[in-house]
Amino acid sequence: MITTLVVLGLLAIGLMLLYVRSVRRRRTFFDRRVRAAAELGWYPAPTDPWLAGVAARLYSPQGTAERMVAGAGVRALDFTYSASSTSTAARCHVIAYDLPYELPPLSVGPRNPLVASQEFESARFNQLFTVESGDRRYASAVLNPRMMAMLVDDYEHLPWRIEGRTLVTWGLGYWTTPMVSEATHLFGRIVELIPPFVVDDYGIR
């Protein structure tokens, strides 16, 4: 009996030490992340309800959006959800970039054979990406040859979508400054490669 109690006590102490270590590592991660973000001009900000809604649509309506940073038209937040009451919480992120205009919805992501995708002239692009849009001509105008070449060469791993006046990307794991930097660079390239006539013809006024 005494031996059993000793073993249980040692197990409890071990679990407690593991928990304390996990909390410390988590706190250190968040503290370092905030400092690194500040060096790039991104600072903690109240969670944007609209962006939290985007995250909920992408992941789960039961999740929690928190720890947002913002700066220079960029916002990034963490999103945590559980697929069921018994599953481990999934850690995710959403990063947004403000557009100077508003466009219809368009979604581009790594190839998903379970989702119907619009086909384009580039066979390589079709192999790598799934595109969803309600207007085929609009999608072709945005995803012009230069845009497709840029995505194929550098960004086949990043999903993104146009949500009104915002570009959004998302992924697993809480956001980090390298993630936000990469997304910001992608968004800048997308804006650069969208032809002016797309805004004139399809921009929402």
N, C-alpha and C. Protein backbone atom coordinates (compact mmCIF):
# COMPACT_ATOMS: atom_id res chain seq x y z
N MET A 1 0.83 -1.20 0.00
CA MET A 1 0.00 0.00 0.00
C MET A 1 0.87 1.25 0.00
N ILE A 2 1.87 1.27 0.90
CA ILE A 2 2.75 2.42 0.99
C ILE A 2 3.52 2.61 -0.32
N THR A 3 3.96 1.48 -0.88
CA THR A 3 4.70 1.55 -2.14
C THR A 3 3.84 2.15 -3.25
N THR A 4 2.58 1.73 -3.29
CA THR A 4 1.65 2.26 -4.30
C THR A 4 1.48 3.76 -4.13
N LEU A 5 1.32 4.21 -2.87
CA LEU A 5 1.15 5.64 -2.62
C LEU A 5 2.38 6.43 -3.03
N VAL A 6 3.57 5.85 -2.75
CA VAL A 6 4.80 6.52 -3.14
C VAL A 6 4.89 6.66 -4.65
N VAL A 7 4.55 5.58 -5.37
CA VAL A 7 4.60 5.61 -6.84
C VAL A 7 3.63 6.65 -7.38
N LEU A 8 2.41 6.65 -6.84
CA LEU A 8 1.41 7.62 -7.29
C LEU A 8 1.85 9.05 -7.00
N GLY A 9 2.48 9.22 -5.85
CA GLY A 9 2.98 10.55 -5.50
C GLY A 9 4.06 11.02 -6.45
N LEU A 10 4.98 10.12 -6.79
CA LEU A 10 6.05 10.46 -7.72
C LEU A 10 5.49 10.78 -9.11
N LEU A 11 4.47 10.00 -9.53
CA LEU A 11 3.84 10.27 -10.82
C LEU A 11 3.17 11.64 -10.83
N ALA A 12 2.51 11.96 -9.71
CA ALA A 12 1.85 13.27 -9.62
C ALA A 12 2.86 14.40 -9.68
N ILE A 13 3.97 14.23 -8.99
CA ILE A 13 5.03 15.25 -9.00
C ILE A 13 5.61 15.40 -10.40
N GLY A 14 5.83 14.25 -11.07
CA GLY A 14 6.36 14.29 -12.42
C GLY A 14 5.44 15.01 -13.38
N LEU A 15 4.14 14.71 -13.27
CA LEU A 15 3.17 15.37 -14.14
C LEU A 15 3.10 16.87 -13.86
N MET A 16 3.19 17.23 -12.58
CA MET A 16 3.17 18.64 -12.22
C MET A 16 4.39 19.37 -12.80
N LEU A 17 5.55 18.74 -12.72
CA LEU A 17 6.76 19.35 -13.27
C LEU A 17 6.66 19.52 -14.78
N LEU A 18 6.10 18.51 -15.45
CA LEU A 18 5.91 18.61 -16.89
C LEU A 18 4.97 19.75 -17.24
N TYR A 19 3.90 19.89 -16.45
CA TYR A 19 2.93 20.96 -16.69
C TYR A 19 3.58 22.33 -16.51
N VAL A 20 4.34 22.49 -15.43
CA VAL A 20 5.01 23.77 -15.17
C VAL A 20 5.99 24.10 -16.30
N ARG A 21 6.72 23.07 -16.74
CA ARG A 21 7.67 23.28 -17.84
C ARG A 21 6.94 23.69 -19.11
N SER A 22 5.79 23.05 -19.38
CA SER A 22 5.02 23.39 -20.57
C SER A 22 4.51 24.83 -20.51
N VAL A 23 4.03 25.25 -19.35
CA VAL A 23 3.53 26.62 -19.19
C VAL A 23 4.65 27.62 -19.41
N ARG A 24 5.83 27.34 -18.86
CA ARG A 24 6.96 28.25 -19.01
C ARG A 24 7.39 28.36 -20.48
N ARG A 25 7.44 27.22 -21.17
CA ARG A 25 7.83 27.23 -22.57
C ARG A 25 6.82 28.01 -23.40
N ARG A 26 5.53 27.83 -23.09
CA ARG A 26 4.48 28.54 -23.80
C ARG A 26 4.60 30.05 -23.58
N ARG A 27 4.83 30.44 -22.31
CA ARG A 27 4.96 31.86 -21.99
C ARG A 27 6.17 32.46 -22.69
N THR A 28 7.27 31.71 -22.70
CA THR A 28 8.48 32.19 -23.37
C THR A 28 8.25 32.38 -24.85
N PHE A 29 7.55 31.42 -25.48
CA PHE A 29 7.24 31.52 -26.91
C PHE A 29 6.46 32.79 -27.21
N PHE A 30 5.40 33.05 -26.44
CA PHE A 30 4.57 34.22 -26.68
C PHE A 30 5.33 35.52 -26.43
N ASP A 31 6.14 35.55 -25.36
CA ASP A 31 6.91 36.76 -25.05
C ASP A 31 7.91 37.07 -26.16
N ARG A 32 8.63 36.05 -26.62
CA ARG A 32 9.61 36.26 -27.69
C ARG A 32 8.92 36.67 -28.99
N ARG A 33 7.77 36.09 -29.23
CA ARG A 33 7.04 36.39 -30.46
C ARG A 33 6.59 37.85 -30.49
N VAL A 34 6.08 38.35 -29.36
CA VAL A 34 5.63 39.74 -29.28
C VAL A 34 6.80 40.69 -29.51
N ARG A 35 7.95 40.38 -28.93
CA ARG A 35 9.12 41.23 -29.11
C ARG A 35 9.58 41.22 -30.57
N ALA A 36 9.60 40.04 -31.19
CA ALA A 36 10.02 39.93 -32.59
C ALA A 36 9.04 40.67 -33.50
N ALA A 37 7.75 40.57 -33.20
CA ALA A 37 6.74 41.27 -34.01
C ALA A 37 6.91 42.78 -33.89
N ALA A 38 7.19 43.27 -32.68
CA ALA A 38 7.36 44.70 -32.47
C ALA A 38 8.53 45.25 -33.28
N GLU A 39 9.58 44.45 -33.43
CA GLU A 39 10.73 44.89 -34.22
C GLU A 39 10.37 45.09 -35.68
N LEU A 40 9.30 44.42 -36.14
CA LEU A 40 8.85 44.55 -37.52
C LEU A 40 7.66 45.50 -37.66
N GLY A 41 7.26 46.12 -36.56
CA GLY A 41 6.18 47.10 -36.62
C GLY A 41 4.80 46.54 -36.40
N TRP A 42 4.71 45.33 -35.83
CA TRP A 42 3.40 44.73 -35.52
C TRP A 42 3.24 44.68 -34.01
N TYR A 43 2.12 45.18 -33.52
CA TYR A 43 1.92 45.29 -32.08
C TYR A 43 0.60 44.64 -31.66
N PRO A 44 0.50 44.17 -30.40
CA PRO A 44 -0.75 43.57 -29.93
C PRO A 44 -1.92 44.52 -30.12
N ALA A 45 -3.05 43.96 -30.55
CA ALA A 45 -4.25 44.75 -30.81
C ALA A 45 -5.47 43.93 -30.44
N PRO A 46 -6.60 44.59 -30.18
CA PRO A 46 -7.84 43.85 -29.89
C PRO A 46 -8.20 42.94 -31.06
N THR A 47 -8.70 41.77 -30.75
CA THR A 47 -9.06 40.80 -31.80
C THR A 47 -10.12 41.39 -32.71
N ASP A 48 -9.86 41.35 -34.00
CA ASP A 48 -10.79 41.86 -35.02
C ASP A 48 -11.94 40.86 -35.17
N PRO A 49 -13.19 41.24 -34.84
CA PRO A 49 -14.32 40.30 -34.94
C PRO A 49 -14.49 39.74 -36.36
N TRP A 50 -14.26 40.59 -37.37
CA TRP A 50 -14.42 40.12 -38.75
C TRP A 50 -13.41 39.02 -39.07
N LEU A 51 -12.14 39.25 -38.68
CA LEU A 51 -11.11 38.25 -38.96
C LEU A 51 -11.34 36.99 -38.12
N ALA A 52 -11.83 37.16 -36.90
CA ALA A 52 -12.17 36.01 -36.07
C ALA A 52 -13.27 35.19 -36.74
N GLY A 53 -14.22 35.88 -37.40
CA GLY A 53 -15.28 35.18 -38.13
C GLY A 53 -14.73 34.40 -39.31
N VAL A 54 -13.76 34.98 -40.01
CA VAL A 54 -13.10 34.26 -41.11
C VAL A 54 -12.44 33.00 -40.59
N ALA A 55 -11.73 33.12 -39.47
CA ALA A 55 -11.08 31.95 -38.88
C ALA A 55 -12.09 30.88 -38.49
N ALA A 56 -13.22 31.31 -37.95
CA ALA A 56 -14.26 30.35 -37.55
C ALA A 56 -14.81 29.61 -38.77
N ARG A 57 -14.96 30.32 -39.90
CA ARG A 57 -15.45 29.66 -41.12
C ARG A 57 -14.41 28.69 -41.68
N LEU A 58 -13.14 29.03 -41.54
CA LEU A 58 -12.08 28.18 -42.07
C LEU A 58 -11.86 26.93 -41.22
N TYR A 59 -12.02 27.06 -39.89
CA TYR A 59 -11.67 25.97 -38.99
C TYR A 59 -12.88 25.39 -38.26
N SER A 60 -13.48 26.18 -37.37
CA SER A 60 -14.60 25.68 -36.57
C SER A 60 -15.31 26.86 -35.91
N PRO A 61 -16.64 26.86 -35.92
CA PRO A 61 -17.37 27.95 -35.25
C PRO A 61 -17.22 27.91 -33.74
N GLN A 62 -16.69 26.81 -33.20
CA GLN A 62 -16.54 26.67 -31.75
C GLN A 62 -15.15 27.06 -31.27
N GLY A 63 -14.32 27.57 -32.15
CA GLY A 63 -12.95 27.89 -31.76
C GLY A 63 -12.81 29.25 -31.10
N THR A 64 -11.57 29.56 -30.72
CA THR A 64 -11.26 30.82 -30.05
C THR A 64 -10.17 31.55 -30.82
N ALA A 65 -10.44 32.80 -31.18
CA ALA A 65 -9.45 33.66 -31.83
C ALA A 65 -8.87 34.61 -30.80
N GLU A 66 -7.55 34.73 -30.79
CA GLU A 66 -6.92 35.58 -29.76
C GLU A 66 -5.50 35.94 -30.17
N ARG A 67 -4.88 36.76 -29.34
CA ARG A 67 -3.48 37.17 -29.48
C ARG A 67 -3.19 37.75 -30.87
N MET A 68 -3.95 38.78 -31.23
CA MET A 68 -3.76 39.41 -32.53
C MET A 68 -2.69 40.49 -32.46
N VAL A 69 -1.94 40.60 -33.55
CA VAL A 69 -1.04 41.73 -33.74
C VAL A 69 -1.44 42.42 -35.04
N ALA A 70 -1.15 43.72 -35.12
CA ALA A 70 -1.52 44.49 -36.31
C ALA A 70 -0.49 45.57 -36.57
N GLY A 71 -0.38 45.94 -37.85
CA GLY A 71 0.53 47.01 -38.22
C GLY A 71 0.71 47.07 -39.72
N ALA A 72 0.72 48.29 -40.28
CA ALA A 72 0.98 48.49 -41.70
C ALA A 72 0.04 47.67 -42.58
N GLY A 73 -1.24 47.63 -42.21
CA GLY A 73 -2.23 46.93 -43.02
C GLY A 73 -2.24 45.43 -42.86
N VAL A 74 -1.44 44.90 -41.93
CA VAL A 74 -1.35 43.45 -41.71
C VAL A 74 -1.93 43.11 -40.34
N ARG A 75 -2.66 41.99 -40.26
CA ARG A 75 -3.16 41.48 -38.99
C ARG A 75 -2.91 39.98 -38.94
N ALA A 76 -2.56 39.48 -37.76
CA ALA A 76 -2.36 38.04 -37.58
C ALA A 76 -2.92 37.65 -36.23
N LEU A 77 -3.62 36.53 -36.18
CA LEU A 77 -4.16 36.06 -34.91
C LEU A 77 -4.05 34.55 -34.80
N ASP A 78 -4.04 34.08 -33.56
CA ASP A 78 -4.07 32.64 -33.27
C ASP A 78 -5.51 32.16 -33.21
N PHE A 79 -5.72 30.90 -33.57
CA PHE A 79 -7.05 30.31 -33.48
C PHE A 79 -6.90 28.88 -32.95
N THR A 80 -7.65 28.56 -31.91
CA THR A 80 -7.59 27.25 -31.27
C THR A 80 -8.96 26.62 -31.26
N TYR A 81 -9.04 25.36 -31.66
CA TYR A 81 -10.33 24.67 -31.63
C TYR A 81 -10.11 23.17 -31.43
N SER A 82 -11.16 22.50 -31.01
CA SER A 82 -11.16 21.04 -30.86
C SER A 82 -12.25 20.46 -31.75
N ALA A 83 -11.89 19.44 -32.53
CA ALA A 83 -12.87 18.82 -33.41
C ALA A 83 -13.96 18.11 -32.61
N SER A 84 -13.63 17.65 -31.40
CA SER A 84 -14.61 17.01 -30.52
C SER A 84 -14.18 17.25 -29.08
N SER A 85 -15.04 16.89 -28.15
CA SER A 85 -14.75 17.12 -26.73
C SER A 85 -13.58 16.28 -26.24
N THR A 86 -13.25 15.23 -26.97
CA THR A 86 -12.17 14.33 -26.54
C THR A 86 -10.87 14.53 -27.34
N SER A 87 -10.91 15.37 -28.36
CA SER A 87 -9.73 15.52 -29.21
C SER A 87 -8.79 16.60 -28.67
N THR A 88 -7.55 16.51 -29.07
CA THR A 88 -6.55 17.51 -28.68
C THR A 88 -6.83 18.81 -29.43
N ALA A 89 -6.68 19.93 -28.75
CA ALA A 89 -6.94 21.22 -29.38
C ALA A 89 -5.97 21.46 -30.53
N ALA A 90 -6.49 21.90 -31.66
CA ALA A 90 -5.67 22.24 -32.82
C ALA A 90 -5.27 23.71 -32.75
N ARG A 91 -4.00 23.97 -33.01
CA ARG A 91 -3.49 25.34 -32.98
C ARG A 91 -3.29 25.83 -34.41
N CYS A 92 -3.90 26.95 -34.73
CA CYS A 92 -3.89 27.45 -36.10
C CYS A 92 -3.67 28.96 -36.09
N HIS A 93 -3.60 29.53 -37.28
CA HIS A 93 -3.45 30.98 -37.40
C HIS A 93 -4.14 31.49 -38.65
N VAL A 94 -4.44 32.77 -38.66
CA VAL A 94 -4.96 33.46 -39.84
C VAL A 94 -4.22 34.78 -39.96
N ILE A 95 -3.81 35.11 -41.18
CA ILE A 95 -3.09 36.36 -41.46
C ILE A 95 -3.85 37.11 -42.54
N ALA A 96 -4.05 38.41 -42.33
CA ALA A 96 -4.84 39.21 -43.27
C ALA A 96 -4.05 40.44 -43.71
N TYR A 97 -4.39 40.93 -44.90
CA TYR A 97 -3.73 42.09 -45.50
C TYR A 97 -4.79 42.95 -46.16
N ASP A 98 -4.82 44.23 -45.83
CA ASP A 98 -5.85 45.13 -46.36
C ASP A 98 -5.56 45.50 -47.81
N LEU A 99 -6.58 45.34 -48.66
CA LEU A 99 -6.47 45.73 -50.06
C LEU A 99 -6.92 47.18 -50.24
N PRO A 100 -6.40 47.86 -51.25
CA PRO A 100 -6.84 49.23 -51.52
C PRO A 100 -8.16 49.29 -52.30
N TYR A 101 -8.77 48.14 -52.53
CA TYR A 101 -10.03 48.06 -53.27
C TYR A 101 -10.77 46.81 -52.81
N GLU A 102 -12.00 46.65 -53.27
CA GLU A 102 -12.80 45.47 -52.91
C GLU A 102 -13.07 44.64 -54.16
N LEU A 103 -12.84 43.34 -54.06
CA LEU A 103 -13.03 42.43 -55.18
C LEU A 103 -13.93 41.26 -54.79
N PRO A 104 -14.52 40.58 -55.78
CA PRO A 104 -15.34 39.40 -55.48
C PRO A 104 -14.51 38.28 -54.86
N PRO A 105 -15.15 37.31 -54.23
CA PRO A 105 -14.44 36.20 -53.60
C PRO A 105 -13.63 35.37 -54.60
N LEU A 106 -12.48 34.91 -54.16
CA LEU A 106 -11.62 34.02 -54.95
C LEU A 106 -10.76 33.25 -53.97
N SER A 107 -10.67 31.94 -54.15
CA SER A 107 -9.88 31.10 -53.24
C SER A 107 -8.87 30.29 -54.04
N VAL A 108 -7.61 30.33 -53.60
CA VAL A 108 -6.52 29.59 -54.25
C VAL A 108 -5.76 28.81 -53.18
N GLY A 109 -5.56 27.52 -53.41
CA GLY A 109 -4.85 26.73 -52.42
C GLY A 109 -4.20 25.52 -53.04
N PRO A 110 -3.39 24.79 -52.27
CA PRO A 110 -2.78 23.55 -52.77
C PRO A 110 -3.83 22.61 -53.32
N ARG A 111 -3.47 21.85 -54.31
CA ARG A 111 -4.41 20.98 -55.03
C ARG A 111 -5.16 20.07 -54.08
N ASN A 112 -6.49 20.09 -54.20
CA ASN A 112 -7.36 19.23 -53.41
C ASN A 112 -8.25 18.45 -54.37
N PRO A 113 -7.98 17.15 -54.57
CA PRO A 113 -8.76 16.37 -55.55
C PRO A 113 -10.23 16.23 -55.18
N LEU A 114 -10.59 16.54 -53.94
CA LEU A 114 -11.97 16.41 -53.50
C LEU A 114 -12.80 17.66 -53.81
N VAL A 115 -12.14 18.71 -54.29
CA VAL A 115 -12.83 19.97 -54.58
C VAL A 115 -12.74 20.27 -56.07
N ALA A 116 -13.87 20.60 -56.69
CA ALA A 116 -13.87 20.97 -58.11
C ALA A 116 -13.10 22.27 -58.31
N SER A 117 -12.20 22.27 -59.28
CA SER A 117 -11.35 23.44 -59.50
C SER A 117 -11.45 23.91 -60.94
N GLN A 118 -11.37 25.21 -61.12
CA GLN A 118 -11.29 25.78 -62.46
C GLN A 118 -9.94 25.44 -63.07
N GLU A 119 -9.94 25.12 -64.35
CA GLU A 119 -8.70 24.79 -65.05
C GLU A 119 -8.16 26.01 -65.78
N PHE A 120 -6.83 26.11 -65.85
CA PHE A 120 -6.18 27.24 -66.50
C PHE A 120 -5.23 26.74 -67.58
N GLU A 121 -4.64 27.68 -68.33
CA GLU A 121 -3.78 27.30 -69.44
C GLU A 121 -2.49 26.63 -68.99
N SER A 122 -2.07 26.92 -67.76
CA SER A 122 -0.83 26.33 -67.25
C SER A 122 -1.10 24.95 -66.65
N ALA A 123 -0.57 23.91 -67.28
CA ALA A 123 -0.76 22.55 -66.77
C ALA A 123 -0.12 22.39 -65.40
N ARG A 124 1.04 23.01 -65.20
CA ARG A 124 1.73 22.91 -63.92
C ARG A 124 0.91 23.56 -62.82
N PHE A 125 0.33 24.71 -63.12
CA PHE A 125 -0.52 25.38 -62.14
C PHE A 125 -1.71 24.49 -61.79
N ASN A 126 -2.33 23.88 -62.78
CA ASN A 126 -3.48 23.01 -62.53
C ASN A 126 -3.13 21.81 -61.67
N GLN A 127 -1.89 21.32 -61.80
CA GLN A 127 -1.44 20.19 -60.99
C GLN A 127 -1.25 20.57 -59.53
N LEU A 128 -0.88 21.83 -59.29
CA LEU A 128 -0.50 22.26 -57.94
C LEU A 128 -1.60 22.95 -57.16
N PHE A 129 -2.58 23.56 -57.86
CA PHE A 129 -3.53 24.42 -57.17
C PHE A 129 -4.99 24.06 -57.45
N THR A 130 -5.82 24.35 -56.47
CA THR A 130 -7.27 24.31 -56.61
C THR A 130 -7.78 25.74 -56.52
N VAL A 131 -8.61 26.13 -57.47
CA VAL A 131 -9.14 27.50 -57.53
C VAL A 131 -10.65 27.44 -57.47
N GLU A 132 -11.23 28.23 -56.58
CA GLU A 132 -12.68 28.32 -56.45
C GLU A 132 -13.12 29.77 -56.64
N SER A 133 -14.06 29.96 -57.57
CA SER A 133 -14.58 31.29 -57.85
C SER A 133 -15.94 31.16 -58.51
N GLY A 134 -16.80 32.13 -58.26
CA GLY A 134 -18.11 32.13 -58.90
C GLY A 134 -18.11 32.71 -60.29
N ASP A 135 -16.97 33.22 -60.74
CA ASP A 135 -16.87 33.87 -62.05
C ASP A 135 -15.57 33.43 -62.72
N ARG A 136 -15.67 32.59 -63.72
CA ARG A 136 -14.48 32.03 -64.37
C ARG A 136 -13.64 33.11 -65.04
N ARG A 137 -14.29 34.09 -65.65
CA ARG A 137 -13.55 35.16 -66.33
C ARG A 137 -12.78 36.01 -65.32
N TYR A 138 -13.41 36.29 -64.21
CA TYR A 138 -12.75 37.06 -63.15
C TYR A 138 -11.54 36.29 -62.61
N ALA A 139 -11.71 35.00 -62.35
CA ALA A 139 -10.60 34.19 -61.83
C ALA A 139 -9.44 34.16 -62.83
N SER A 140 -9.76 34.04 -64.12
CA SER A 140 -8.71 34.02 -65.14
C SER A 140 -8.00 35.37 -65.23
N ALA A 141 -8.74 36.44 -65.00
CA ALA A 141 -8.13 37.78 -65.05
C ALA A 141 -7.17 37.98 -63.89
N VAL A 142 -7.56 37.54 -62.70
CA VAL A 142 -6.67 37.66 -61.54
C VAL A 142 -5.48 36.73 -61.69
N LEU A 143 -5.76 35.49 -62.04
CA LEU A 143 -4.69 34.48 -62.16
C LEU A 143 -4.14 34.48 -63.59
N ASN A 144 -3.56 35.61 -63.95
CA ASN A 144 -2.95 35.77 -65.27
C ASN A 144 -1.64 34.99 -65.32
N PRO A 145 -1.02 34.87 -66.48
CA PRO A 145 0.20 34.06 -66.59
C PRO A 145 1.31 34.45 -65.61
N ARG A 146 1.54 35.75 -65.39
CA ARG A 146 2.59 36.18 -64.45
C ARG A 146 2.23 35.77 -63.02
N MET A 147 0.95 35.89 -62.66
CA MET A 147 0.52 35.50 -61.32
C MET A 147 0.71 34.00 -61.13
N MET A 148 0.29 33.21 -62.11
CA MET A 148 0.43 31.77 -61.98
C MET A 148 1.90 31.36 -61.88
N ALA A 149 2.75 31.98 -62.67
CA ALA A 149 4.18 31.64 -62.63
C ALA A 149 4.76 31.96 -61.26
N MET A 150 4.39 33.10 -60.69
CA MET A 150 4.88 33.47 -59.36
C MET A 150 4.44 32.47 -58.31
N LEU A 151 3.16 32.06 -58.36
CA LEU A 151 2.65 31.12 -57.38
C LEU A 151 3.31 29.74 -57.53
N VAL A 152 3.48 29.29 -58.75
CA VAL A 152 4.10 27.98 -58.99
C VAL A 152 5.55 27.98 -58.50
N ASP A 153 6.27 29.06 -58.75
CA ASP A 153 7.69 29.11 -58.40
C ASP A 153 7.93 29.24 -56.90
N ASP A 154 7.06 29.98 -56.19
CA ASP A 154 7.40 30.35 -54.81
C ASP A 154 6.36 30.03 -53.75
N TYR A 155 5.09 29.82 -54.12
CA TYR A 155 4.06 29.79 -53.08
C TYR A 155 3.05 28.66 -53.25
N GLU A 156 3.49 27.50 -53.71
CA GLU A 156 2.54 26.41 -53.89
C GLU A 156 2.02 25.87 -52.55
N HIS A 157 2.70 26.19 -51.45
CA HIS A 157 2.32 25.66 -50.14
C HIS A 157 1.36 26.56 -49.38
N LEU A 158 1.13 27.80 -49.85
CA LEU A 158 0.32 28.74 -49.09
C LEU A 158 -1.07 28.92 -49.70
N PRO A 159 -2.13 28.59 -48.97
CA PRO A 159 -3.47 28.90 -49.46
C PRO A 159 -3.76 30.39 -49.24
N TRP A 160 -4.57 30.98 -50.08
CA TRP A 160 -4.98 32.36 -49.88
C TRP A 160 -6.32 32.60 -50.54
N ARG A 161 -6.97 33.66 -50.10
CA ARG A 161 -8.26 33.99 -50.68
C ARG A 161 -8.49 35.48 -50.60
N ILE A 162 -9.31 35.96 -51.52
CA ILE A 162 -9.76 37.35 -51.49
C ILE A 162 -11.09 37.38 -50.78
N GLU A 163 -11.15 38.17 -49.71
CA GLU A 163 -12.38 38.34 -48.93
C GLU A 163 -12.73 39.83 -48.93
N GLY A 164 -13.39 40.28 -49.99
CA GLY A 164 -13.77 41.69 -50.06
C GLY A 164 -12.56 42.59 -50.21
N ARG A 165 -12.29 43.39 -49.18
CA ARG A 165 -11.15 44.31 -49.20
C ARG A 165 -9.93 43.71 -48.50
N THR A 166 -9.89 42.40 -48.39
CA THR A 166 -8.83 41.76 -47.61
C THR A 166 -8.31 40.50 -48.30
N LEU A 167 -6.99 40.32 -48.25
CA LEU A 167 -6.37 39.06 -48.63
C LEU A 167 -6.10 38.28 -47.35
N VAL A 168 -6.38 36.98 -47.39
CA VAL A 168 -6.26 36.15 -46.18
C VAL A 168 -5.48 34.89 -46.51
N THR A 169 -4.60 34.48 -45.60
CA THR A 169 -3.98 33.16 -45.65
C THR A 169 -4.08 32.53 -44.28
N TRP A 170 -3.89 31.22 -44.19
CA TRP A 170 -4.10 30.51 -42.93
C TRP A 170 -3.26 29.23 -42.93
N GLY A 171 -3.15 28.61 -41.77
CA GLY A 171 -2.39 27.38 -41.68
C GLY A 171 -2.31 26.85 -40.26
N LEU A 172 -1.67 25.70 -40.11
CA LEU A 172 -1.52 25.07 -38.81
C LEU A 172 -0.42 25.74 -38.00
N GLY A 173 -0.56 25.67 -36.69
CA GLY A 173 0.42 26.27 -35.80
C GLY A 173 0.10 27.73 -35.53
N TYR A 174 0.41 28.20 -34.33
CA TYR A 174 0.23 29.62 -34.04
C TYR A 174 1.17 30.43 -34.92
N TRP A 175 0.75 31.65 -35.24
CA TRP A 175 1.56 32.47 -36.14
C TRP A 175 2.93 32.79 -35.54
N THR A 176 3.90 32.95 -36.42
CA THR A 176 5.24 33.39 -36.05
C THR A 176 5.61 34.55 -36.96
N THR A 177 6.62 35.31 -36.59
CA THR A 177 6.99 36.44 -37.44
C THR A 177 7.47 36.00 -38.82
N PRO A 178 8.20 34.87 -38.97
CA PRO A 178 8.53 34.43 -40.33
C PRO A 178 7.28 34.11 -41.16
N MET A 179 6.25 33.52 -40.53
CA MET A 179 5.00 33.24 -41.24
C MET A 179 4.36 34.53 -41.73
N VAL A 180 4.29 35.53 -40.85
CA VAL A 180 3.66 36.80 -41.21
C VAL A 180 4.47 37.52 -42.29
N SER A 181 5.78 37.46 -42.18
CA SER A 181 6.64 38.10 -43.18
C SER A 181 6.45 37.45 -44.55
N GLU A 182 6.41 36.12 -44.58
CA GLU A 182 6.22 35.42 -45.85
C GLU A 182 4.85 35.75 -46.44
N ALA A 183 3.81 35.76 -45.60
CA ALA A 183 2.47 36.08 -46.09
C ALA A 183 2.41 37.51 -46.61
N THR A 184 3.05 38.44 -45.90
CA THR A 184 3.05 39.83 -46.34
C THR A 184 3.72 39.98 -47.69
N HIS A 185 4.82 39.25 -47.89
CA HIS A 185 5.51 39.30 -49.17
C HIS A 185 4.63 38.72 -50.27
N LEU A 186 3.95 37.61 -50.00
CA LEU A 186 3.04 37.04 -50.98
C LEU A 186 1.93 38.02 -51.32
N PHE A 187 1.32 38.62 -50.31
CA PHE A 187 0.22 39.56 -50.56
C PHE A 187 0.69 40.74 -51.41
N GLY A 188 1.89 41.25 -51.11
CA GLY A 188 2.42 42.35 -51.91
C GLY A 188 2.60 41.96 -53.36
N ARG A 189 3.08 40.74 -53.60
CA ARG A 189 3.24 40.25 -54.98
C ARG A 189 1.90 40.11 -55.67
N ILE A 190 0.89 39.62 -54.96
CA ILE A 190 -0.44 39.46 -55.55
C ILE A 190 -0.99 40.81 -55.98
N VAL A 191 -0.92 41.80 -55.09
CA VAL A 191 -1.42 43.14 -55.41
C VAL A 191 -0.67 43.71 -56.61
N GLU A 192 0.63 43.49 -56.65
CA GLU A 192 1.45 43.99 -57.76
C GLU A 192 1.04 43.38 -59.09
N LEU A 193 0.62 42.11 -59.08
CA LEU A 193 0.35 41.39 -60.33
C LEU A 193 -1.12 41.38 -60.73
N ILE A 194 -2.01 41.95 -59.92
CA ILE A 194 -3.40 42.09 -60.34
C ILE A 194 -3.49 43.26 -61.31
N PRO A 195 -3.88 43.01 -62.56
CA PRO A 195 -3.93 44.09 -63.55
C PRO A 195 -4.94 45.17 -63.17
N PRO A 196 -4.67 46.44 -63.50
CA PRO A 196 -5.61 47.52 -63.19
C PRO A 196 -7.01 47.29 -63.74
N PHE A 197 -7.11 46.65 -64.93
CA PHE A 197 -8.44 46.46 -65.50
C PHE A 197 -9.31 45.54 -64.65
N VAL A 198 -8.67 44.66 -63.85
CA VAL A 198 -9.46 43.78 -62.96
C VAL A 198 -10.20 44.62 -61.94
N VAL A 199 -9.50 45.61 -61.38
CA VAL A 199 -10.15 46.49 -60.40
C VAL A 199 -11.23 47.32 -61.08
N ASP A 200 -10.96 47.80 -62.29
CA ASP A 200 -11.95 48.61 -63.01
C ASP A 200 -13.18 47.79 -63.39
N ASP A 201 -12.97 46.57 -63.86
CA ASP A 201 -14.09 45.75 -64.35
C ASP A 201 -14.82 44.99 -63.26
N TYR A 202 -14.09 44.56 -62.23
CA TYR A 202 -14.70 43.69 -61.22
C TYR A 202 -14.74 44.29 -59.82
N GLY A 203 -14.10 45.42 -59.63
CA GLY A 203 -14.10 46.05 -58.32
C GLY A 203 -15.50 46.37 -57.85
N ILE A 204 -15.76 46.16 -56.56
CA ILE A 204 -17.08 46.39 -55.98
C ILE A 204 -17.13 47.82 -55.43
N ARG A 205 -18.09 48.59 -55.90
CA ARG A 205 -18.19 49.97 -55.48
C ARG A 205 -19.40 50.17 -54.58
